[in-house]
Amino acid sequence: MEEELLKKFEQAIKLSDEILEFSKPLVKENVKVIDLAEKIENEIRKHGAKPSWPVNISINEIAAHYTPEANDTLVLKENDLVKVDFGVQIDGCISDRAFTVCIGKKTH
C-alpha cells in the first residue's frame, strides 16, 4: 500500500476515534435524533473530513441503518438502546465506527 494512502487511512481512523469520544456524551434523553446526527456530521466536517455516509442512529428493535430525515421528530427516551454508526472519509479513505448506549444506564 502506498505510504501516502496508508497515512490517509490512519488519519481517518484517528479522527474517527475523536468523533467517537465527542459523540458518546451527546446520546441522552430528550435529544432529537436529527440533531444528534447533524452534530456528529458537523464535527467531522469541522476537522476537514467528510462523513462516509449519513450518520445512522438506530433505536431499540431497529437493528441498524436508521438515518433520520430533515423533518424527523424522533426523540431519545430513557431506557432506549441507541446504536450510533458513522464513518469518516479523508480523500476517499474511510473509517467505520459504531457504539451502543442504553440511555439512563451506566456502562464501563
PDB file of N, CA and C in Angstrom:
ATOM      1  N   MET A   1       0.854  -1.180   0.000  1.00  0.00           N
ATOM      2  CA  MET A   1       0.000   0.000   0.000  1.00  0.00           C
ATOM      3  C   MET A   1       0.896   1.239   0.000  1.00  0.00           C
ATOM      4  N   GLU A   2       0.555   2.216  -0.804  1.00  0.00           N
ATOM      5  CA  GLU A   2       1.346   3.437  -0.842  1.00  0.00           C
ATOM      6  C   GLU A   2       1.379   4.107   0.524  1.00  0.00           C
ATOM      7  N   GLU A   3       2.519   4.686   0.832  1.00  0.00           N
ATOM      8  CA  GLU A   3       2.703   5.356   2.122  1.00  0.00           C
ATOM      9  C   GLU A   3       1.687   6.484   2.316  1.00  0.00           C
ATOM     10  N   GLU A   4       1.441   7.280   1.274  1.00  0.00           N
ATOM     11  CA  GLU A   4       0.501   8.397   1.366  1.00  0.00           C
ATOM     12  C   GLU A   4      -0.924   7.901   1.630  1.00  0.00           C
ATOM     13  N   LEU A   5      -1.310   6.834   0.958  1.00  0.00           N
ATOM     14  CA  LEU A   5      -2.641   6.261   1.156  1.00  0.00           C
ATOM     15  C   LEU A   5      -2.787   5.711   2.576  1.00  0.00           C
ATOM     16  N   LEU A   6      -1.770   5.032   3.044  1.00  0.00           N
ATOM     17  CA  LEU A   6      -1.778   4.499   4.400  1.00  0.00           C
ATOM     18  C   LEU A   6      -1.919   5.619   5.422  1.00  0.00           C
ATOM     19  N   LYS A   7      -1.237   6.736   5.209  1.00  0.00           N
ATOM     20  CA  LYS A   7      -1.337   7.869   6.131  1.00  0.00           C
ATOM     21  C   LYS A   7      -2.750   8.432   6.175  1.00  0.00           C
ATOM     22  N   LYS A   8      -3.421   8.472   5.024  1.00  0.00           N
ATOM     23  CA  LYS A   8      -4.795   8.983   4.994  1.00  0.00           C
ATOM     24  C   LYS A   8      -5.742   8.064   5.752  1.00  0.00           C
ATOM     25  N   PHE A   9      -5.558   6.752   5.612  1.00  0.00           N
ATOM     26  CA  PHE A   9      -6.364   5.812   6.397  1.00  0.00           C
ATOM     27  C   PHE A   9      -6.099   5.995   7.883  1.00  0.00           C
ATOM     28  N   GLU A  10      -4.860   6.170   8.252  1.00  0.00           N
ATOM     29  CA  GLU A  10      -4.517   6.393   9.661  1.00  0.00           C
ATOM     30  C   GLU A  10      -5.148   7.677  10.186  1.00  0.00           C
ATOM     31  N   GLN A  11      -5.168   8.730   9.368  1.00  0.00           N
ATOM     32  CA  GLN A  11      -5.809   9.984   9.763  1.00  0.00           C
ATOM     33  C   GLN A  11      -7.312   9.789   9.958  1.00  0.00           C
ATOM     34  N   ALA A  12      -7.937   9.041   9.050  1.00  0.00           N
ATOM     35  CA  ALA A  12      -9.374   8.775   9.165  1.00  0.00           C
ATOM     36  C   ALA A  12      -9.676   7.989  10.435  1.00  0.00           C
ATOM     37  N   ILE A  13      -8.856   7.029  10.754  1.00  0.00           N
ATOM     38  CA  ILE A  13      -9.045   6.233  11.966  1.00  0.00           C
ATOM     39  C   ILE A  13      -8.864   7.111  13.207  1.00  0.00           C
ATOM     40  N   LYS A  14      -7.811   7.926  13.213  1.00  0.00           N
ATOM     41  CA  LYS A  14      -7.554   8.797  14.367  1.00  0.00           C
ATOM     42  C   LYS A  14      -8.720   9.775  14.573  1.00  0.00           C
ATOM     43  N   LEU A  15      -9.194  10.365  13.492  1.00  0.00           N
ATOM     44  CA  LEU A  15     -10.309  11.303  13.620  1.00  0.00           C
ATOM     45  C   LEU A  15     -11.577  10.582  14.066  1.00  0.00           C
ATOM     46  N   SER A  16     -11.791   9.376  13.571  1.00  0.00           N
ATOM     47  CA  SER A  16     -12.992   8.637  13.999  1.00  0.00           C
ATOM     48  C   SER A  16     -12.938   8.320  15.489  1.00  0.00           C
ATOM     49  N   ASP A  17     -11.747   8.102  16.035  1.00  0.00           N
ATOM     50  CA  ASP A  17     -11.606   7.918  17.490  1.00  0.00           C
ATOM     51  C   ASP A  17     -12.060   9.184  18.226  1.00  0.00           C
ATOM     52  N   GLU A  18     -11.644  10.341  17.715  1.00  0.00           N
ATOM     53  CA  GLU A  18     -12.028  11.617  18.331  1.00  0.00           C
ATOM     54  C   GLU A  18     -13.533  11.852  18.219  1.00  0.00           C
ATOM     55  N   ILE A  19     -14.096  11.545  17.071  1.00  0.00           N
ATOM     56  CA  ILE A  19     -15.533  11.737  16.865  1.00  0.00           C
ATOM     57  C   ILE A  19     -16.325  10.792  17.761  1.00  0.00           C
ATOM     58  N   LEU A  20     -15.829   9.596  17.961  1.00  0.00           N
ATOM     59  CA  LEU A  20     -16.483   8.638  18.858  1.00  0.00           C
ATOM     60  C   LEU A  20     -16.580   9.214  20.262  1.00  0.00           C
ATOM     61  N   GLU A  21     -15.492   9.745  20.771  1.00  0.00           N
ATOM     62  CA  GLU A  21     -15.484  10.322  22.122  1.00  0.00           C
ATOM     63  C   GLU A  21     -16.350  11.583  22.188  1.00  0.00           C
ATOM     64  N   PHE A  22     -16.351  12.377  21.130  1.00  0.00           N
ATOM     65  CA  PHE A  22     -17.203  13.559  21.060  1.00  0.00           C
ATOM     66  C   PHE A  22     -18.682  13.165  21.116  1.00  0.00           C
ATOM     67  N   SER A  23     -19.029  12.078  20.434  1.00  0.00           N
ATOM     68  CA  SER A  23     -20.427  11.677  20.240  1.00  0.00           C
ATOM     69  C   SER A  23     -21.071  11.030  21.460  1.00  0.00           C
ATOM     70  N   LYS A  24     -20.339  10.227  22.183  1.00  0.00           N
ATOM     71  CA  LYS A  24     -20.928   9.458  23.288  1.00  0.00           C
ATOM     72  C   LYS A  24     -21.729  10.304  24.273  1.00  0.00           C
ATOM     73  N   PRO A  25     -21.203  11.433  24.757  1.00  0.00           N
ATOM     74  CA  PRO A  25     -21.976  12.215  25.732  1.00  0.00           C
ATOM     75  C   PRO A  25     -23.225  12.882  25.142  1.00  0.00           C
ATOM     76  N   LEU A  26     -23.313  12.941  23.836  1.00  0.00           N
ATOM     77  CA  LEU A  26     -24.472  13.570  23.197  1.00  0.00           C
ATOM     78  C   LEU A  26     -25.702  12.666  23.190  1.00  0.00           C
ATOM     79  N   VAL A  27     -25.493  11.379  23.388  1.00  0.00           N
ATOM     80  CA  VAL A  27     -26.591  10.406  23.344  1.00  0.00           C
ATOM     81  C   VAL A  27     -27.247  10.370  24.720  1.00  0.00           C
ATOM     82  N   LYS A  28     -28.337  11.146  24.843  1.00  0.00           N
ATOM     83  CA  LYS A  28     -29.013  11.237  26.128  1.00  0.00           C
ATOM     84  C   LYS A  28     -30.496  11.528  25.923  1.00  0.00           C
ATOM     85  N   GLU A  29     -31.215  11.394  26.996  1.00  0.00           N
ATOM     86  CA  GLU A  29     -32.665  11.596  26.978  1.00  0.00           C
ATOM     87  C   GLU A  29     -33.033  12.984  26.448  1.00  0.00           C
ATOM     88  N   ASN A  30     -34.132  13.032  25.698  1.00  0.00           N
ATOM     89  CA  ASN A  30     -34.731  14.250  25.147  1.00  0.00           C
ATOM     90  C   ASN A  30     -33.955  14.878  23.992  1.00  0.00           C
ATOM     91  N   VAL A  31     -32.993  14.164  23.421  1.00  0.00           N
ATOM     92  CA  VAL A  31     -32.266  14.650  22.256  1.00  0.00           C
ATOM     93  C   VAL A  31     -32.966  14.143  20.998  1.00  0.00           C
ATOM     94  N   LYS A  32     -33.193  15.047  20.042  1.00  0.00           N
ATOM     95  CA  LYS A  32     -33.770  14.639  18.762  1.00  0.00           C
ATOM     96  C   LYS A  32     -32.691  13.926  17.946  1.00  0.00           C
ATOM     97  N   VAL A  33     -33.059  12.811  17.320  1.00  0.00           N
ATOM     98  CA  VAL A  33     -32.066  12.048  16.559  1.00  0.00           C
ATOM     99  C   VAL A  33     -31.495  12.865  15.402  1.00  0.00           C
ATOM    100  N   ILE A  34     -32.296  13.712  14.777  1.00  0.00           N
ATOM    101  CA  ILE A  34     -31.782  14.541  13.683  1.00  0.00           C
ATOM    102  C   ILE A  34     -30.724  15.510  14.199  1.00  0.00           C
ATOM    103  N   ASP A  35     -30.922  16.062  15.390  1.00  0.00           N
ATOM    104  CA  ASP A  35     -29.936  16.976  15.975  1.00  0.00           C
ATOM    105  C   ASP A  35     -28.640  16.242  16.292  1.00  0.00           C
ATOM    106  N   LEU A  36     -28.761  15.026  16.823  1.00  0.00           N
ATOM    107  CA  LEU A  36     -27.585  14.214  17.134  1.00  0.00           C
ATOM    108  C   LEU A  36     -26.797  13.910  15.867  1.00  0.00           C
ATOM    109  N   ALA A  37     -27.483  13.476  14.831  1.00  0.00           N
ATOM    110  CA  ALA A  37     -26.815  13.161  13.564  1.00  0.00           C
ATOM    111  C   ALA A  37     -26.113  14.392  12.990  1.00  0.00           C
ATOM    112  N   GLU A  38     -26.797  15.525  13.021  1.00  0.00           N
ATOM    113  CA  GLU A  38     -26.206  16.746  12.475  1.00  0.00           C
ATOM    114  C   GLU A  38     -24.983  17.190  13.262  1.00  0.00           C
ATOM    115  N   LYS A  39     -25.022  17.067  14.581  1.00  0.00           N
ATOM    116  CA  LYS A  39     -23.861  17.455  15.399  1.00  0.00           C
ATOM    117  C   LYS A  39     -22.654  16.582  15.069  1.00  0.00           C
ATOM    118  N   ILE A  40     -22.873  15.289  14.896  1.00  0.00           N
ATOM    119  CA  ILE A  40     -21.767  14.378  14.579  1.00  0.00           C
ATOM    120  C   ILE A  40     -21.217  14.689  13.193  1.00  0.00           C
ATOM    121  N   GLU A  41     -22.092  14.857  12.211  1.00  0.00           N
ATOM    122  CA  GLU A  41     -21.636  15.159  10.854  1.00  0.00           C
ATOM    123  C   GLU A  41     -20.910  16.503  10.805  1.00  0.00           C
ATOM    124  N   ASN A  42     -21.410  17.501  11.507  1.00  0.00           N
ATOM    125  CA  ASN A  42     -20.753  18.811  11.535  1.00  0.00           C
ATOM    126  C   ASN A  42     -19.382  18.746  12.199  1.00  0.00           C
ATOM    127  N   GLU A  43     -19.256  17.922  13.237  1.00  0.00           N
ATOM    128  CA  GLU A  43     -17.955  17.776  13.904  1.00  0.00           C
ATOM    129  C   GLU A  43     -16.944  17.126  12.958  1.00  0.00           C
ATOM    130  N   ILE A  44     -17.381  16.160  12.178  1.00  0.00           N
ATOM    131  CA  ILE A  44     -16.495  15.541  11.188  1.00  0.00           C
ATOM    132  C   ILE A  44     -16.017  16.599  10.191  1.00  0.00           C
ATOM    133  N   ARG A  45     -16.955  17.385   9.663  1.00  0.00           N
ATOM    134  CA  ARG A  45     -16.611  18.421   8.684  1.00  0.00           C
ATOM    135  C   ARG A  45     -15.703  19.506   9.282  1.00  0.00           C
ATOM    136  N   LYS A  46     -15.913  19.828  10.558  1.00  0.00           N
ATOM    137  CA  LYS A  46     -15.108  20.849  11.240  1.00  0.00           C
ATOM    138  C   LYS A  46     -13.620  20.501  11.194  1.00  0.00           C
ATOM    139  N   HIS A  47     -13.324  19.204  11.124  1.00  0.00           N
ATOM    140  CA  HIS A  47     -11.937  18.730  11.100  1.00  0.00           C
ATOM    141  C   HIS A  47     -11.417  18.534   9.677  1.00  0.00           C
ATOM    142  N   GLY A  48     -12.179  19.022   8.692  1.00  0.00           N
ATOM    143  CA  GLY A  48     -11.720  18.952   7.310  1.00  0.00           C
ATOM    144  C   GLY A  48     -11.971  17.631   6.607  1.00  0.00           C
ATOM    145  N   ALA A  49     -12.748  16.760   7.220  1.00  0.00           N
ATOM    146  CA  ALA A  49     -13.075  15.465   6.623  1.00  0.00           C
ATOM    147  C   ALA A  49     -14.541  15.483   6.185  1.00  0.00           C
ATOM    148  N   LYS A  50     -14.999  14.366   5.648  1.00  0.00           N
ATOM    149  CA  LYS A  50     -16.398  14.221   5.252  1.00  0.00           C
ATOM    150  C   LYS A  50     -16.980  12.986   5.928  1.00  0.00           C
ATOM    151  N   PRO A  51     -18.286  13.008   6.210  1.00  0.00           N
ATOM    152  CA  PRO A  51     -18.926  11.768   6.646  1.00  0.00           C
ATOM    153  C   PRO A  51     -18.865  10.754   5.498  1.00  0.00           C
ATOM    154  N   SER A  52     -18.604   9.508   5.811  1.00  0.00           N
ATOM    155  CA  SER A  52     -18.565   8.463   4.781  1.00  0.00           C
ATOM    156  C   SER A  52     -19.959   8.144   4.264  1.00  0.00           C
ATOM    157  N   TRP A  53     -20.957   8.363   5.103  1.00  0.00           N
ATOM    158  CA  TRP A  53     -22.372   8.166   4.796  1.00  0.00           C
ATOM    159  C   TRP A  53     -23.149   8.954   5.843  1.00  0.00           C
ATOM    160  N   PRO A  54     -24.450   9.153   5.654  1.00  0.00           N
ATOM    161  CA  PRO A  54     -25.223   9.830   6.701  1.00  0.00           C
ATOM    162  C   PRO A  54     -25.152   9.041   8.013  1.00  0.00           C
ATOM    163  N   VAL A  55     -25.027   9.742   9.118  1.00  0.00           N
ATOM    164  CA  VAL A  55     -24.969   9.084  10.429  1.00  0.00           C
ATOM    165  C   VAL A  55     -26.237   8.254  10.627  1.00  0.00           C
ATOM    166  N   ASN A  56     -26.059   7.017  11.089  1.00  0.00           N
ATOM    167  CA  ASN A  56     -27.175   6.126  11.397  1.00  0.00           C
ATOM    168  C   ASN A  56     -27.377   6.092  12.900  1.00  0.00           C
ATOM    169  N   ILE A  57     -28.625   6.291  13.324  1.00  0.00           N
ATOM    170  CA  ILE A  57     -28.973   6.229  14.745  1.00  0.00           C
ATOM    171  C   ILE A  57     -30.169   5.296  14.862  1.00  0.00           C
ATOM    172  N   SER A  58     -29.893   4.090  15.303  1.00  0.00           N
ATOM    173  CA  SER A  58     -30.933   3.068  15.390  1.00  0.00           C
ATOM    174  C   SER A  58     -31.327   2.869  16.844  1.00  0.00           C
ATOM    175  N   ILE A  59     -32.630   2.749  17.081  1.00  0.00           N
ATOM    176  CA  ILE A  59     -33.135   2.690  18.446  1.00  0.00           C
ATOM    177  C   ILE A  59     -33.913   1.398  18.666  1.00  0.00           C
ATOM    178  N   ASN A  60     -33.625   0.748  19.786  1.00  0.00           N
ATOM    179  CA  ASN A  60     -34.331  -0.450  20.250  1.00  0.00           C
ATOM    180  C   ASN A  60     -34.372  -1.542  19.188  1.00  0.00           C
ATOM    181  N   GLU A  61     -35.573  -1.902  18.711  1.00  0.00           N
ATOM    182  CA  GLU A  61     -35.703  -3.047  17.807  1.00  0.00           C
ATOM    183  C   GLU A  61     -35.169  -2.774  16.407  1.00  0.00           C
ATOM    184  N   ILE A  62     -34.853  -1.531  16.083  1.00  0.00           N
ATOM    185  CA  ILE A  62     -34.240  -1.231  14.793  1.00  0.00           C
ATOM    186  C   ILE A  62     -32.772  -1.612  14.913  1.00  0.00           C
ATOM    187  N   ALA A  63     -32.394  -2.692  14.272  1.00  0.00           N
ATOM    188  CA  ALA A  63     -31.055  -3.248  14.463  1.00  0.00           C
ATOM    189  C   ALA A  63     -29.951  -2.335  13.933  1.00  0.00           C
ATOM    190  N   ALA A  64     -30.185  -1.712  12.778  1.00  0.00           N
ATOM    191  CA  ALA A  64     -29.127  -0.895  12.193  1.00  0.00           C
ATOM    192  C   ALA A  64     -29.664  -0.043  11.051  1.00  0.00           C
ATOM    193  N   HIS A  65     -28.870   0.970  10.707  1.00  0.00           N
ATOM    194  CA  HIS A  65     -29.025   1.770   9.487  1.00  0.00           C
ATOM    195  C   HIS A  65     -30.263   2.657   9.421  1.00  0.00           C
ATOM    196  N   TYR A  66     -30.727   3.167  10.557  1.00  0.00           N
ATOM    197  CA  TYR A  66     -31.789   4.169  10.539  1.00  0.00           C
ATOM    198  C   TYR A  66     -31.131   5.539  10.404  1.00  0.00           C
ATOM    199  N   THR A  67     -31.469   6.237   9.339  1.00  0.00           N
ATOM    200  CA  THR A  67     -30.935   7.570   9.103  1.00  0.00           C
ATOM    201  C   THR A  67     -32.072   8.577   9.223  1.00  0.00           C
ATOM    202  N   PRO A  68     -31.984   9.509  10.180  1.00  0.00           N
ATOM    203  CA  PRO A  68     -33.062  10.495  10.321  1.00  0.00           C
ATOM    204  C   PRO A  68     -33.122  11.421   9.112  1.00  0.00           C
ATOM    205  N   GLU A  69     -34.337  11.769   8.728  1.00  0.00           N
ATOM    206  CA  GLU A  69     -34.545  12.720   7.636  1.00  0.00           C
ATOM    207  C   GLU A  69     -34.692  14.123   8.222  1.00  0.00           C
ATOM    208  N   ALA A  70     -34.666  15.118   7.378  1.00  0.00           N
ATOM    209  CA  ALA A  70     -34.665  16.524   7.810  1.00  0.00           C
ATOM    210  C   ALA A  70     -35.811  16.870   8.751  1.00  0.00           C
ATOM    211  N   ASN A  71     -36.985  16.297   8.555  1.00  0.00           N
ATOM    212  CA  ASN A  71     -38.149  16.628   9.388  1.00  0.00           C
ATOM    213  C   ASN A  71     -38.411  15.578  10.476  1.00  0.00           C
ATOM    214  N   ASP A  72     -37.436  14.755  10.771  1.00  0.00           N
ATOM    215  CA  ASP A  72     -37.584  13.680  11.754  1.00  0.00           C
ATOM    216  C   ASP A  72     -37.851  14.264  13.146  1.00  0.00           C
ATOM    217  N   THR A  73     -38.890  13.775  13.821  1.00  0.00           N
ATOM    218  CA  THR A  73     -39.234  14.280  15.158  1.00  0.00           C
ATOM    219  C   THR A  73     -38.901  13.277  16.261  1.00  0.00           C
ATOM    220  N   LEU A  74     -38.258  12.183  15.911  1.00  0.00           N
ATOM    221  CA  LEU A  74     -37.929  11.139  16.877  1.00  0.00           C
ATOM    222  C   LEU A  74     -36.983  11.681  17.949  1.00  0.00           C
ATOM    223  N   VAL A  75     -37.332  11.417  19.217  1.00  0.00           N
ATOM    224  CA  VAL A  75     -36.558  11.900  20.363  1.00  0.00           C
ATOM    225  C   VAL A  75     -36.129  10.705  21.203  1.00  0.00           C
ATOM    226  N   LEU A  76     -34.909  10.750  21.708  1.00  0.00           N
ATOM    227  CA  LEU A  76     -34.398   9.677  22.559  1.00  0.00           C
ATOM    228  C   LEU A  76     -35.069   9.727  23.932  1.00  0.00           C
ATOM    229  N   LYS A  77     -35.381   8.529  24.457  1.00  0.00           N
ATOM    230  CA  LYS A  77     -36.043   8.421  25.760  1.00  0.00           C
ATOM    231  C   LYS A  77     -35.227   7.539  26.700  1.00  0.00           C
ATOM    232  N   GLU A  78     -35.511   7.670  27.980  1.00  0.00           N
ATOM    233  CA  GLU A  78     -34.852   6.811  28.972  1.00  0.00           C
ATOM    234  C   GLU A  78     -35.120   5.358  28.634  1.00  0.00           C
ATOM    235  N   ASN A  79     -34.110   4.533  28.817  1.00  0.00           N
ATOM    236  CA  ASN A  79     -34.112   3.098  28.547  1.00  0.00           C
ATOM    237  C   ASN A  79     -34.058   2.743  27.071  1.00  0.00           C
ATOM    238  N   ASP A  80     -33.951   3.725  26.168  1.00  0.00           N
ATOM    239  CA  ASP A  80     -33.737   3.404  24.759  1.00  0.00           C
ATOM    240  C   ASP A  80     -32.353   2.803  24.583  1.00  0.00           C
ATOM    241  N   LEU A  81     -32.277   1.769  23.771  1.00  0.00           N
ATOM    242  CA  LEU A  81     -31.000   1.189  23.360  1.00  0.00           C
ATOM    243  C   LEU A  81     -30.654   1.852  22.026  1.00  0.00           C
ATOM    244  N   VAL A  82     -29.623   2.686  22.031  1.00  0.00           N
ATOM    245  CA  VAL A  82     -29.300   3.532  20.886  1.00  0.00           C
ATOM    246  C   VAL A  82     -27.978   3.084  20.266  1.00  0.00           C
ATOM    247  N   LYS A  83     -28.033   2.783  18.977  1.00  0.00           N
ATOM    248  CA  LYS A  83     -26.846   2.397  18.234  1.00  0.00           C
ATOM    249  C   LYS A  83     -26.490   3.539  17.281  1.00  0.00           C
ATOM    250  N   VAL A  84     -25.270   4.035  17.379  1.00  0.00           N
ATOM    251  CA  VAL A  84     -24.799   5.130  16.530  1.00  0.00           C
ATOM    252  C   VAL A  84     -23.700   4.573  15.627  1.00  0.00           C
ATOM    253  N   ASP A  85     -23.860   4.781  14.319  1.00  0.00           N
ATOM    254  CA  ASP A  85     -22.912   4.276  13.330  1.00  0.00           C
ATOM    255  C   ASP A  85     -22.527   5.440  12.414  1.00  0.00           C
ATOM    256  N   PHE A  86     -21.229   5.704  12.312  1.00  0.00           N
ATOM    257  CA  PHE A  86     -20.763   6.796  11.457  1.00  0.00           C
ATOM    258  C   PHE A  86     -19.448   6.400  10.800  1.00  0.00           C
ATOM    259  N   GLY A  87     -19.110   7.138   9.778  1.00  0.00           N
ATOM    260  CA  GLY A  87     -17.828   6.924   9.116  1.00  0.00           C
ATOM    261  C   GLY A  87     -17.175   8.257   8.834  1.00  0.00           C
ATOM    262  N   VAL A  88     -15.848   8.238   8.792  1.00  0.00           N
ATOM    263  CA  VAL A  88     -15.053   9.415   8.470  1.00  0.00           C
ATOM    264  C   VAL A  88     -14.303   9.124   7.179  1.00  0.00           C
ATOM    265  N   GLN A  89     -14.353  10.089   6.240  1.00  0.00           N
ATOM    266  CA  GLN A  89     -13.674   9.928   4.966  1.00  0.00           C
ATOM    267  C   GLN A  89     -12.667  11.055   4.768  1.00  0.00           C
ATOM    268  N   ILE A  90     -11.450  10.675   4.459  1.00  0.00           N
ATOM    269  CA  ILE A  90     -10.409  11.630   4.106  1.00  0.00           C
ATOM    270  C   ILE A  90      -9.864  11.220   2.747  1.00  0.00           C
ATOM    271  N   ASP A  91     -10.162  12.014   1.740  1.00  0.00           N
ATOM    272  CA  ASP A  91      -9.723  11.747   0.367  1.00  0.00           C
ATOM    273  C   ASP A  91     -10.039  10.316  -0.073  1.00  0.00           C
ATOM    274  N   GLY A  92     -11.238   9.851   0.237  1.00  0.00           N
ATOM    275  CA  GLY A  92     -11.675   8.520  -0.177  1.00  0.00           C
ATOM    276  C   GLY A  92     -11.254   7.392   0.748  1.00  0.00           C
ATOM    277  N   CYS A  93     -10.468   7.695   1.761  1.00  0.00           N
ATOM    278  CA  CYS A  93     -10.043   6.687   2.739  1.00  0.00           C
ATOM    279  C   CYS A  93     -11.028   6.719   3.905  1.00  0.00           C
ATOM    280  N   ILE A  94     -11.672   5.591   4.146  1.00  0.00           N
ATOM    281  CA  ILE A  94     -12.826   5.544   5.045  1.00  0.00           C
ATOM    282  C   ILE A  94     -12.524   4.763   6.326  1.00  0.00           C
ATOM    283  N   SER A  95     -13.047   5.293   7.434  1.00  0.00           N
ATOM    284  CA  SER A  95     -13.098   4.534   8.685  1.00  0.00           C
ATOM    285  C   SER A  95     -14.568   4.322   9.021  1.00  0.00           C
ATOM    286  N   ASP A  96     -14.863   3.271   9.746  1.00  0.00           N
ATOM    287  CA  ASP A  96     -16.240   2.913  10.116  1.00  0.00           C
ATOM    288  C   ASP A  96     -16.266   2.689  11.613  1.00  0.00           C
ATOM    289  N   ARG A  97     -17.114   3.430  12.322  1.00  0.00           N
ATOM    290  CA  ARG A  97     -17.207   3.301  13.783  1.00  0.00           C
ATOM    291  C   ARG A  97     -18.657   3.176  14.203  1.00  0.00           C
ATOM    292  N   ALA A  98     -18.862   2.499  15.310  1.00  0.00           N
ATOM    293  CA  ALA A  98     -20.200   2.370  15.878  1.00  0.00           C
ATOM    294  C   ALA A  98     -20.072   2.149  17.382  1.00  0.00           C
ATOM    295  N   PHE A  99     -21.118   2.561  18.095  1.00  0.00           N
ATOM    296  CA  PHE A  99     -21.188   2.290  19.530  1.00  0.00           C
ATOM    297  C   PHE A  99     -22.648   2.226  19.930  1.00  0.00           C
ATOM    298  N   THR A 100     -22.892   1.638  21.099  1.00  0.00           N
ATOM    299  CA  THR A 100     -24.247   1.456  21.610  1.00  0.00           C
ATOM    300  C   THR A 100     -24.331   2.014  23.022  1.00  0.00           C
ATOM    301  N   VAL A 101     -25.438   2.703  23.300  1.00  0.00           N
ATOM    302  CA  VAL A 101     -25.679   3.279  24.618  1.00  0.00           C
ATOM    303  C   VAL A 101     -27.103   2.934  25.034  1.00  0.00           C
ATOM    304  N   CYS A 102     -27.266   2.527  26.286  1.00  0.00           N
ATOM    305  CA  CYS A 102     -28.597   2.382  26.859  1.00  0.00           C
ATOM    306  C   CYS A 102     -28.816   3.620  27.716  1.00  0.00           C
ATOM    307  N   ILE A 103     -29.739   4.460  27.301  1.00  0.00           N
ATOM    308  CA  ILE A 103     -29.943   5.746  27.971  1.00  0.00           C
ATOM    309  C   ILE A 103     -30.448   5.510  29.397  1.00  0.00           C
ATOM    310  N   GLY A 104     -29.767   6.148  30.331  1.00  0.00           N
ATOM    311  CA  GLY A 104     -30.137   6.031  31.725  1.00  0.00           C
ATOM    312  C   GLY A 104     -29.388   4.907  32.446  1.00  0.00           C
ATOM    313  N   LYS A 105     -28.587   4.159  31.736  1.00  0.00           N
ATOM    314  CA  LYS A 105     -27.817   3.060  32.331  1.00  0.00           C
ATOM    315  C   LYS A 105     -26.341   3.437  32.322  1.00  0.00           C
ATOM    316  N   LYS A 106     -25.654   3.185  33.426  1.00  0.00           N
ATOM    317  CA  LYS A 106     -24.227   3.409  33.489  1.00  0.00           C
ATOM    318  C   LYS A 106     -23.515   2.230  32.856  1.00  0.00           C
ATOM    319  N   THR A 107     -22.513   2.544  32.004  1.00  0.00           N
ATOM    320  CA  THR A 107     -21.731   1.493  31.369  1.00  0.00           C
ATOM    321  C   THR A 107     -20.260   1.760  31.651  1.00  0.00           C
ATOM    322  N   HIS A 108     -19.446   0.759  31.426  1.00  0.00           N
ATOM    323  CA  HIS A 108     -17.996   0.895  31.671  1.00  0.00           C
ATOM    324  C   HIS A 108     -17.289   1.245  30.392  1.00  0.00           C
TER     325      HIS A 108
END
